[in-house]
């Protein structure tokens, strides 16, 4: 059904390019986030677009994870890697499997 596929395409487009781009929070207590110490009162910025744009594949994490954790440069940030964005665009993820197949 074309309307179901259109719905899946719209959902996938919104996943990759969300209209709600970011959230800001303030740490209410000292905490550790992804191995980094965040002191009470620090501002935490969550880029929703980046978080939903791509799956962090084991390959990406293996290549760039240590650099990112060490504060080093990453050649192409995942959300700006257009080839990766294109390959991550999969409307089918929103569709129910066809029981007839």
PDB file of N, CA and C in Angstrom:
ATOM      1  N   UNK A   1       0.853  -1.192   0.000  1.00  0.00           N
ATOM      2  CA  UNK A   1       0.000   0.000   0.000  1.00  0.00           C
ATOM      3  C   UNK A   1       0.896   1.250   0.000  1.00  0.00           C
ATOM      4  N   UNK A   2       0.668   2.115  -0.975  1.00  0.00           N
ATOM      5  CA  UNK A   2       1.509   3.311  -1.140  1.00  0.00           C
ATOM      6  C   UNK A   2       1.401   4.256   0.047  1.00  0.00           C
ATOM      7  N   UNK A   3       0.211   4.357   0.649  1.00  0.00           N
ATOM      8  CA  UNK A   3       0.064   5.289   1.776  1.00  0.00           C
ATOM      9  C   UNK A   3       0.861   4.818   2.997  1.00  0.00           C
ATOM     10  N   UNK A   4       0.970   3.514   3.196  1.00  0.00           N
ATOM     11  CA  UNK A   4       1.776   2.998   4.311  1.00  0.00           C
ATOM     12  C   UNK A   4       3.253   3.294   4.077  1.00  0.00           C
ATOM     13  N   UNK A   5       3.694   3.145   2.829  1.00  0.00           N
ATOM     14  CA  UNK A   5       5.100   3.440   2.530  1.00  0.00           C
ATOM     15  C   UNK A   5       5.368   4.932   2.668  1.00  0.00           C
ATOM     16  N   UNK A   6       4.433   5.777   2.222  1.00  0.00           N
ATOM     17  CA  UNK A   6       4.592   7.228   2.376  1.00  0.00           C
ATOM     18  C   UNK A   6       4.702   7.587   3.856  1.00  0.00           C
ATOM     19  N   UNK A   7       3.863   6.982   4.695  1.00  0.00           N
ATOM     20  CA  UNK A   7       3.935   7.224   6.135  1.00  0.00           C
ATOM     21  C   UNK A   7       5.317   6.831   6.675  1.00  0.00           C
ATOM     22  N   UNK A   8       5.836   5.700   6.219  1.00  0.00           N
ATOM     23  CA  UNK A   8       7.159   5.246   6.664  1.00  0.00           C
ATOM     24  C   UNK A   8       8.249   6.206   6.204  1.00  0.00           C
ATOM     25  N   UNK A   9       8.138   6.732   4.985  1.00  0.00           N
ATOM     26  CA  UNK A   9       9.128   7.684   4.473  1.00  0.00           C
ATOM     27  C   UNK A   9       9.114   8.959   5.310  1.00  0.00           C
ATOM     28  N   UNK A  10       7.919   9.457   5.641  1.00  0.00           N
ATOM     29  CA  UNK A  10       7.817  10.677   6.461  1.00  0.00           C
ATOM     30  C   UNK A  10       8.417  10.437   7.842  1.00  0.00           C
ATOM     31  N   UNK A  11       8.108   9.311   8.459  1.00  0.00           N
ATOM     32  CA  UNK A  11       8.666   8.996   9.784  1.00  0.00           C
ATOM     33  C   UNK A  11      10.194   8.920   9.745  1.00  0.00           C
ATOM     34  N   UNK A  12      10.723   8.297   8.703  1.00  0.00           N
ATOM     35  CA  UNK A  12      12.177   8.164   8.585  1.00  0.00           C
ATOM     36  C   UNK A  12      12.819   9.527   8.337  1.00  0.00           C
ATOM     37  N   UNK A  13      12.176  10.359   7.519  1.00  0.00           N
ATOM     38  CA  UNK A  13      12.705  11.708   7.277  1.00  0.00           C
ATOM     39  C   UNK A  13      12.725  12.510   8.572  1.00  0.00           C
ATOM     40  N   UNK A  14      11.691  12.381   9.389  1.00  0.00           N
ATOM     41  CA  UNK A  14      11.655  13.095  10.668  1.00  0.00           C
ATOM     42  C   UNK A  14      12.680  12.524  11.651  1.00  0.00           C
ATOM     43  N   UNK A  15      12.955  11.237  11.555  1.00  0.00           N
ATOM     44  CA  UNK A  15      13.987  10.645  12.422  1.00  0.00           C
ATOM     45  C   UNK A  15      15.353  11.240  12.082  1.00  0.00           C
ATOM     46  N   UNK A  16      15.622  11.385  10.795  1.00  0.00           N
ATOM     47  CA  UNK A  16      16.931  11.878  10.375  1.00  0.00           C
ATOM     48  C   UNK A  16      17.044  13.386  10.515  1.00  0.00           C
ATOM     49  N   UNK A  17      15.961  14.114  10.265  1.00  0.00           N
ATOM     50  CA  UNK A  17      16.019  15.581  10.332  1.00  0.00           C
ATOM     51  C   UNK A  17      14.853  16.078  11.185  1.00  0.00           C
ATOM     52  N   UNK A  18      14.979  15.920  12.471  1.00  0.00           N
ATOM     53  CA  UNK A  18      13.919  16.245  13.420  1.00  0.00           C
ATOM     54  C   UNK A  18      13.655  17.745  13.499  1.00  0.00           C
ATOM     55  N   UNK A  19      12.377  18.146  13.606  1.00  0.00           N
ATOM     56  CA  UNK A  19      12.088  19.574  13.789  1.00  0.00           C
ATOM     57  C   UNK A  19      12.456  20.063  15.194  1.00  0.00           C
ATOM     58  N   UNK A  20      12.548  19.166  16.152  1.00  0.00           N
ATOM     59  CA  UNK A  20      13.000  19.518  17.502  1.00  0.00           C
ATOM     60  C   UNK A  20      14.489  19.254  17.588  1.00  0.00           C
ATOM     61  N   UNK A  21      15.292  20.269  17.322  1.00  0.00           N
ATOM     62  CA  UNK A  21      16.719  20.053  17.113  1.00  0.00           C
ATOM     63  C   UNK A  21      17.532  19.791  18.366  1.00  0.00           C
ATOM     64  N   UNK A  22      17.126  20.347  19.509  1.00  0.00           N
ATOM     65  CA  UNK A  22      18.008  20.229  20.669  1.00  0.00           C
ATOM     66  C   UNK A  22      17.230  20.357  21.971  1.00  0.00           C
ATOM     67  N   UNK A  23      17.847  19.873  23.026  1.00  0.00           N
ATOM     68  CA  UNK A  23      17.337  20.011  24.385  1.00  0.00           C
ATOM     69  C   UNK A  23      18.483  20.498  25.264  1.00  0.00           C
ATOM     70  N   UNK A  24      18.166  21.328  26.237  1.00  0.00           N
ATOM     71  CA  UNK A  24      19.169  21.803  27.192  1.00  0.00           C
ATOM     72  C   UNK A  24      18.697  21.395  28.585  1.00  0.00           C
ATOM     73  N   UNK A  25      19.597  20.848  29.353  1.00  0.00           N
ATOM     74  CA  UNK A  25      19.297  20.452  30.730  1.00  0.00           C
ATOM     75  C   UNK A  25      20.431  20.925  31.628  1.00  0.00           C
ATOM     76  N   UNK A  26      20.140  21.031  32.931  1.00  0.00           N
ATOM     77  CA  UNK A  26      21.144  21.382  33.927  1.00  0.00           C
ATOM     78  C   UNK A  26      21.289  20.208  34.880  1.00  0.00           C
ATOM     79  N   UNK A  27      22.517  19.780  35.119  1.00  0.00           N
ATOM     80  CA  UNK A  27      22.770  18.661  36.024  1.00  0.00           C
ATOM     81  C   UNK A  27      22.368  19.059  37.441  1.00  0.00           C
ATOM     82  N   UNK A  28      21.484  18.282  38.053  1.00  0.00           N
ATOM     83  CA  UNK A  28      21.023  18.568  39.411  1.00  0.00           C
ATOM     84  C   UNK A  28      21.979  18.026  40.467  1.00  0.00           C
ATOM     85  N   UNK A  29      22.869  17.140  40.053  1.00  0.00           N
ATOM     86  CA  UNK A  29      23.863  16.557  40.962  1.00  0.00           C
ATOM     87  C   UNK A  29      25.082  16.175  40.133  1.00  0.00           C
ATOM     88  N   UNK A  30      26.211  15.954  40.802  1.00  0.00           N
ATOM     89  CA  UNK A  30      27.381  15.441  40.092  1.00  0.00           C
ATOM     90  C   UNK A  30      27.010  14.088  39.492  1.00  0.00           C
ATOM     91  N   UNK A  31      27.454  13.848  38.270  1.00  0.00           N
ATOM     92  CA  UNK A  31      27.144  12.572  37.639  1.00  0.00           C
ATOM     93  C   UNK A  31      28.202  12.226  36.609  1.00  0.00           C
ATOM     94  N   UNK A  32      28.144  10.987  36.150  1.00  0.00           N
ATOM     95  CA  UNK A  32      29.023  10.545  35.077  1.00  0.00           C
ATOM     96  C   UNK A  32      28.149  10.228  33.880  1.00  0.00           C
ATOM     97  N   UNK A  33      28.504  10.775  32.721  1.00  0.00           N
ATOM     98  CA  UNK A  33      27.724  10.601  31.506  1.00  0.00           C
ATOM     99  C   UNK A  33      28.667  10.132  30.409  1.00  0.00           C
ATOM    100  N   UNK A  34      28.472   8.898  29.961  1.00  0.00           N
ATOM    101  CA  UNK A  34      29.341   8.318  28.920  1.00  0.00           C
ATOM    102  C   UNK A  34      30.811   8.395  29.310  1.00  0.00           C
ATOM    103  N   UNK A  35      31.102   8.180  30.566  1.00  0.00           N
ATOM    104  CA  UNK A  35      32.483   8.179  31.028  1.00  0.00           C
ATOM    105  C   UNK A  35      33.051   9.547  31.351  1.00  0.00           C
ATOM    106  N   UNK A  36      32.263  10.590  31.187  1.00  0.00           N
ATOM    107  CA  UNK A  36      32.729  11.947  31.481  1.00  0.00           C
ATOM    108  C   UNK A  36      32.080  12.449  32.760  1.00  0.00           C
ATOM    109  N   UNK A  37      32.862  13.122  33.601  1.00  0.00           N
ATOM    110  CA  UNK A  37      32.335  13.686  34.839  1.00  0.00           C
ATOM    111  C   UNK A  37      31.604  14.983  34.516  1.00  0.00           C
ATOM    112  N   UNK A  38      30.357  15.081  34.986  1.00  0.00           N
ATOM    113  CA  UNK A  38      29.553  16.290  34.796  1.00  0.00           C
ATOM    114  C   UNK A  38      29.245  16.851  36.181  1.00  0.00           C
ATOM    115  N   UNK A  39      29.748  18.041  36.504  1.00  0.00           N
ATOM    116  CA  UNK A  39      29.507  18.603  37.835  1.00  0.00           C
ATOM    117  C   UNK A  39      28.093  19.161  37.970  1.00  0.00           C
ATOM    118  N   UNK A  40      27.611  19.178  39.196  1.00  0.00           N
ATOM    119  CA  UNK A  40      26.301  19.766  39.477  1.00  0.00           C
ATOM    120  C   UNK A  40      26.276  21.200  38.942  1.00  0.00           C
ATOM    121  N   UNK A  41      25.160  21.569  38.316  1.00  0.00           N
ATOM    122  CA  UNK A  41      25.002  22.918  37.788  1.00  0.00           C
ATOM    123  C   UNK A  41      25.481  23.093  36.358  1.00  0.00           C
ATOM    124  N   UNK A  42      26.176  22.083  35.820  1.00  0.00           N
ATOM    125  CA  UNK A  42      26.666  22.186  34.437  1.00  0.00           C
ATOM    126  C   UNK A  42      25.496  22.093  33.463  1.00  0.00           C
ATOM    127  N   UNK A  43      25.600  22.822  32.368  1.00  0.00           N
ATOM    128  CA  UNK A  43      24.597  22.727  31.309  1.00  0.00           C
ATOM    129  C   UNK A  43      24.929  21.543  30.411  1.00  0.00           C
ATOM    130  N   UNK A  44      23.903  20.773  30.093  1.00  0.00           N
ATOM    131  CA  UNK A  44      24.055  19.617  29.214  1.00  0.00           C
ATOM    132  C   UNK A  44      23.222  19.895  27.972  1.00  0.00           C
ATOM    133  N   UNK A  45      23.860  19.845  26.817  1.00  0.00           N
ATOM    134  CA  UNK A  45      23.198  20.113  25.546  1.00  0.00           C
ATOM    135  C   UNK A  45      23.060  18.805  24.789  1.00  0.00           C
ATOM    136  N   UNK A  46      21.838  18.453  24.419  1.00  0.00           N
ATOM    137  CA  UNK A  46      21.579  17.231  23.666  1.00  0.00           C
ATOM    138  C   UNK A  46      21.141  17.617  22.266  1.00  0.00           C
ATOM    139  N   UNK A  47      21.942  17.272  21.286  1.00  0.00           N
ATOM    140  CA  UNK A  47      21.606  17.525  19.894  1.00  0.00           C
ATOM    141  C   UNK A  47      20.751  16.356  19.413  1.00  0.00           C
ATOM    142  N   UNK A  48      19.440  16.547  19.434  1.00  0.00           N
ATOM    143  CA  UNK A  48      18.508  15.482  19.085  1.00  0.00           C
ATOM    144  C   UNK A  48      18.694  15.052  17.637  1.00  0.00           C
ATOM    145  N   UNK A  49      18.954  16.008  16.765  1.00  0.00           N
ATOM    146  CA  UNK A  49      19.128  15.676  15.353  1.00  0.00           C
ATOM    147  C   UNK A  49      20.267  14.683  15.166  1.00  0.00           C
ATOM    148  N   UNK A  50      21.367  14.924  15.823  1.00  0.00           N
ATOM    149  CA  UNK A  50      22.509  14.026  15.702  1.00  0.00           C
ATOM    150  C   UNK A  50      22.208  12.676  16.340  1.00  0.00           C
ATOM    151  N   UNK A  51      21.555  12.695  17.484  1.00  0.00           N
ATOM    152  CA  UNK A  51      21.271  11.447  18.184  1.00  0.00           C
ATOM    153  C   UNK A  51      20.384  10.523  17.363  1.00  0.00           C
ATOM    154  N   UNK A  52      19.455  11.092  16.593  1.00  0.00           N
ATOM    155  CA  UNK A  52      18.529  10.272  15.817  1.00  0.00           C
ATOM    156  C   UNK A  52      18.941  10.092  14.369  1.00  0.00           C
ATOM    157  N   UNK A  53      19.924  10.852  13.903  1.00  0.00           N
ATOM    158  CA  UNK A  53      20.261  10.813  12.486  1.00  0.00           C
ATOM    159  C   UNK A  53      20.851   9.484  12.057  1.00  0.00           C
ATOM    160  N   UNK A  54      21.767   8.971  12.823  1.00  0.00           N
ATOM    161  CA  UNK A  54      22.466   7.765  12.409  1.00  0.00           C
ATOM    162  C   UNK A  54      22.560   6.765  13.544  1.00  0.00           C
ATOM    163  N   UNK A  55      22.580   5.529  13.152  1.00  0.00           N
ATOM    164  CA  UNK A  55      22.908   4.513  14.131  1.00  0.00           C
ATOM    165  C   UNK A  55      24.423   4.536  14.301  1.00  0.00           C
ATOM    166  N   UNK A  56      24.887   4.454  15.514  1.00  0.00           N
ATOM    167  CA  UNK A  56      26.332   4.380  15.736  1.00  0.00           C
ATOM    168  C   UNK A  56      26.746   2.927  15.577  1.00  0.00           C
ATOM    169  N   UNK A  57      27.178   2.596  14.402  1.00  0.00           N
ATOM    170  CA  UNK A  57      27.549   1.224  14.098  1.00  0.00           C
ATOM    171  C   UNK A  57      28.833   0.862  14.835  1.00  0.00           C
ATOM    172  N   UNK A  58      29.037  -0.410  15.094  1.00  0.00           N
ATOM    173  CA  UNK A  58      30.291  -0.809  15.749  1.00  0.00           C
ATOM    174  C   UNK A  58      31.513  -0.326  14.968  1.00  0.00           C
ATOM    175  N   UNK A  59      31.409  -0.302  13.629  1.00  0.00           N
ATOM    176  CA  UNK A  59      32.531   0.163  12.813  1.00  0.00           C
ATOM    177  C   UNK A  59      32.839   1.628  13.102  1.00  0.00           C
ATOM    178  N   UNK A  60      31.808   2.462  13.173  1.00  0.00           N
ATOM    179  CA  UNK A  60      32.012   3.888  13.448  1.00  0.00           C
ATOM    180  C   UNK A  60      32.610   4.070  14.842  1.00  0.00           C
ATOM    181  N   UNK A  61      32.048   3.366  15.817  1.00  0.00           N
ATOM    182  CA  UNK A  61      32.545   3.490  17.187  1.00  0.00           C
ATOM    183  C   UNK A  61      33.979   2.986  17.306  1.00  0.00           C
ATOM    184  N   UNK A  62      34.297   1.914  16.587  1.00  0.00           N
ATOM    185  CA  UNK A  62      35.657   1.380  16.650  1.00  0.00           C
ATOM    186  C   UNK A  62      36.647   2.372  16.048  1.00  0.00           C
ATOM    187  N   UNK A  63      36.249   3.027  14.938  1.00  0.00           N
ATOM    188  CA  UNK A  63      37.155   3.975  14.276  1.00  0.00           C
ATOM    189  C   UNK A  63      37.304   5.269  15.055  1.00  0.00           C
ATOM    190  N   UNK A  64      36.181   5.825  15.541  1.00  0.00           N
ATOM    191  CA  UNK A  64      36.217   7.177  16.086  1.00  0.00           C
ATOM    192  C   UNK A  64      35.940   7.271  17.581  1.00  0.00           C
ATOM    193  N   UNK A  65      35.389   6.222  18.192  1.00  0.00           N
ATOM    194  CA  UNK A  65      35.048   6.274  19.604  1.00  0.00           C
ATOM    195  C   UNK A  65      36.191   6.697  20.511  1.00  0.00           C
ATOM    196  N   UNK A  66      37.376   6.064  20.386  1.00  0.00           N
ATOM    197  CA  UNK A  66      38.496   6.466  21.252  1.00  0.00           C
ATOM    198  C   UNK A  66      38.914   7.917  21.048  1.00  0.00           C
ATOM    199  N   UNK A  67      38.885   8.394  19.789  1.00  0.00           N
ATOM    200  CA  UNK A  67      39.241   9.789  19.517  1.00  0.00           C
ATOM    201  C   UNK A  67      38.251  10.743  20.172  1.00  0.00           C
ATOM    202  N   UNK A  68      36.971  10.427  20.047  1.00  0.00           N
ATOM    203  CA  UNK A  68      35.939  11.286  20.628  1.00  0.00           C
ATOM    204  C   UNK A  68      36.065  11.291  22.140  1.00  0.00           C
ATOM    205  N   UNK A  69      36.245  10.118  22.751  1.00  0.00           N
ATOM    206  CA  UNK A  69      36.370  10.028  24.203  1.00  0.00           C
ATOM    207  C   UNK A  69      37.582  10.807  24.705  1.00  0.00           C
ATOM    208  N   UNK A  70      38.646  10.853  23.894  1.00  0.00           N
ATOM    209  CA  UNK A  70      39.861  11.568  24.291  1.00  0.00           C
ATOM    210  C   UNK A  70      39.802  13.051  23.930  1.00  0.00           C
ATOM    211  N   UNK A  71      38.677  13.483  23.345  1.00  0.00           N
ATOM    212  CA  UNK A  71      38.547  14.885  22.960  1.00  0.00           C
ATOM    213  C   UNK A  71      39.267  15.226  21.670  1.00  0.00           C
ATOM    214  N   UNK A  72      39.661  14.207  20.924  1.00  0.00           N
ATOM    215  CA  UNK A  72      40.386  14.436  19.677  1.00  0.00           C
ATOM    216  C   UNK A  72      39.464  14.700  18.505  1.00  0.00           C
ATOM    217  N   UNK A  73      40.047  15.072  17.368  1.00  0.00           N
ATOM    218  CA  UNK A  73      39.234  15.382  16.191  1.00  0.00           C
ATOM    219  C   UNK A  73      38.687  14.122  15.526  1.00  0.00           C
ATOM    220  N   UNK A  74      37.560  14.268  14.888  1.00  0.00           N
ATOM    221  CA  UNK A  74      36.961  13.212  14.087  1.00  0.00           C
ATOM    222  C   UNK A  74      36.924  13.737  12.659  1.00  0.00           C
ATOM    223  N   UNK A  75      37.445  12.985  11.684  1.00  0.00           N
ATOM    224  CA  UNK A  75      37.517  13.508  10.321  1.00  0.00           C
ATOM    225  C   UNK A  75      36.182  14.025   9.786  1.00  0.00           C
ATOM    226  N   UNK A  76      35.119  13.256   9.915  1.00  0.00           N
ATOM    227  CA  UNK A  76      33.789  13.689   9.484  1.00  0.00           C
ATOM    228  C   UNK A  76      32.808  13.285  10.573  1.00  0.00           C
ATOM    229  N   UNK A  77      32.167  14.257  11.240  1.00  0.00           N
ATOM    230  CA  UNK A  77      31.165  13.884  12.243  1.00  0.00           C
ATOM    231  C   UNK A  77      30.054  13.057  11.598  1.00  0.00           C
ATOM    232  N   UNK A  78      29.543  12.085  12.306  1.00  0.00           N
ATOM    233  CA  UNK A  78      28.576  11.153  11.728  1.00  0.00           C
ATOM    234  C   UNK A  78      27.370  11.857  11.123  1.00  0.00           C
ATOM    235  N   UNK A  79      26.888  12.924  11.757  1.00  0.00           N
ATOM    236  CA  UNK A  79      25.690  13.585  11.238  1.00  0.00           C
ATOM    237  C   UNK A  79      25.967  14.434  10.003  1.00  0.00           C
ATOM    238  N   UNK A  80      27.246  14.652   9.656  1.00  0.00           N
ATOM    239  CA  UNK A  80      27.596  15.399   8.450  1.00  0.00           C
ATOM    240  C   UNK A  80      28.104  14.490   7.334  1.00  0.00           C
ATOM    241  N   UNK A  81      28.227  13.226   7.608  1.00  0.00           N
ATOM    242  CA  UNK A  81      28.696  12.262   6.612  1.00  0.00           C
ATOM    243  C   UNK A  81      27.505  11.889   5.726  1.00  0.00           C
ATOM    244  N   UNK A  82      27.379  12.577   4.591  1.00  0.00           N
ATOM    245  CA  UNK A  82      26.190  12.410   3.751  1.00  0.00           C
ATOM    246  C   UNK A  82      26.041  10.994   3.220  1.00  0.00           C
ATOM    247  N   UNK A  83      27.132  10.318   2.954  1.00  0.00           N
ATOM    248  CA  UNK A  83      27.044   8.934   2.501  1.00  0.00           C
ATOM    249  C   UNK A  83      26.435   8.063   3.602  1.00  0.00           C
ATOM    250  N   UNK A  84      26.849   8.295   4.827  1.00  0.00           N
ATOM    251  CA  UNK A  84      26.299   7.521   5.945  1.00  0.00           C
ATOM    252  C   UNK A  84      24.831   7.857   6.170  1.00  0.00           C
ATOM    253  N   UNK A  85      24.465   9.142   6.015  1.00  0.00           N
ATOM    254  CA  UNK A  85      23.060   9.535   6.172  1.00  0.00           C
ATOM    255  C   UNK A  85      22.212   8.832   5.118  1.00  0.00           C
ATOM    256  N   UNK A  86      22.677   8.834   3.867  1.00  0.00           N
ATOM    257  CA  UNK A  86      21.925   8.165   2.797  1.00  0.00           C
ATOM    258  C   UNK A  86      21.774   6.677   3.082  1.00  0.00           C
ATOM    259  N   UNK A  87      22.833   6.041   3.535  1.00  0.00           N
ATOM    260  CA  UNK A  87      22.758   4.599   3.783  1.00  0.00           C
ATOM    261  C   UNK A  87      21.904   4.283   5.009  1.00  0.00           C
ATOM    262  N   UNK A  88      21.740   5.247   5.912  1.00  0.00           N
ATOM    263  CA  UNK A  88      20.931   5.026   7.116  1.00  0.00           C
ATOM    264  C   UNK A  88      19.447   5.279   6.869  1.00  0.00           C
ATOM    265  N   UNK A  89      19.094   5.855   5.702  1.00  0.00           N
ATOM    266  CA  UNK A  89      17.691   6.157   5.395  1.00  0.00           C
ATOM    267  C   UNK A  89      16.985   4.872   4.982  1.00  0.00           C
ATOM    268  N   UNK A  90      16.208   4.316   5.919  1.00  0.00           N
ATOM    269  CA  UNK A  90      15.534   3.040   5.688  1.00  0.00           C
ATOM    270  C   UNK A  90      14.083   3.134   6.168  1.00  0.00           C
ATOM    271  N   UNK A  91      13.180   3.619   5.315  1.00  0.00           N
ATOM    272  CA  UNK A  91      11.775   3.731   5.717  1.00  0.00           C
ATOM    273  C   UNK A  91      11.176   2.389   6.144  1.00  0.00           C
ATOM    274  N   UNK A  92      11.730   1.313   5.623  1.00  0.00           N
ATOM    275  CA  UNK A  92      11.183  -0.013   5.928  1.00  0.00           C
ATOM    276  C   UNK A  92      11.198  -0.318   7.422  1.00  0.00           C
ATOM    277  N   UNK A  93      12.084   0.351   8.183  1.00  0.00           N
ATOM    278  CA  UNK A  93      12.149   0.101   9.625  1.00  0.00           C
ATOM    279  C   UNK A  93      10.823   0.423  10.315  1.00  0.00           C
ATOM    280  N   UNK A  94       9.988   1.268   9.692  1.00  0.00           N
ATOM    281  CA  UNK A  94       8.722   1.692  10.278  1.00  0.00           C
ATOM    282  C   UNK A  94       7.547   0.832   9.821  1.00  0.00           C
ATOM    283  N   UNK A  95       7.796  -0.103   8.919  1.00  0.00           N
ATOM    284  CA  UNK A  95       6.709  -0.905   8.359  1.00  0.00           C
ATOM    285  C   UNK A  95       6.649  -2.274   9.020  1.00  0.00           C
ATOM    286  N   UNK A  96       5.442  -2.767   9.142  1.00  0.00           N
ATOM    287  CA  UNK A  96       5.238  -4.108   9.680  1.00  0.00           C
ATOM    288  C   UNK A  96       5.667  -5.120   8.621  1.00  0.00           C
ATOM    289  N   UNK A  97       6.300  -6.208   9.020  1.00  0.00           N
ATOM    290  CA  UNK A  97       6.659  -7.233   8.035  1.00  0.00           C
ATOM    291  C   UNK A  97       5.400  -7.818   7.396  1.00  0.00           C
ATOM    292  N   UNK A  98       5.495  -8.145   6.120  1.00  0.00           N
ATOM    293  CA  UNK A  98       4.361  -8.725   5.396  1.00  0.00           C
ATOM    294  C   UNK A  98       4.262 -10.206   5.748  1.00  0.00           C
ATOM    295  N   UNK A  99       3.172 -10.625   6.426  1.00  0.00           N
ATOM    296  CA  UNK A  99       3.061 -12.035   6.835  1.00  0.00           C
ATOM    297  C   UNK A  99       2.936 -12.981   5.638  1.00  0.00           C
ATOM    298  N   UNK A 100       2.554 -12.464   4.453  1.00  0.00           N
ATOM    299  CA  UNK A 100       2.402 -13.307   3.271  1.00  0.00           C
ATOM    300  C   UNK A 100       3.748 -13.699   2.670  1.00  0.00           C
ATOM    301  N   UNK A 101       4.813 -13.007   3.052  1.00  0.00           N
ATOM    302  CA  UNK A 101       6.135 -13.305   2.467  1.00  0.00           C
ATOM    303  C   UNK A 101       6.897 -14.301   3.303  1.00  0.00           C
TER     304      UNK A 101
END
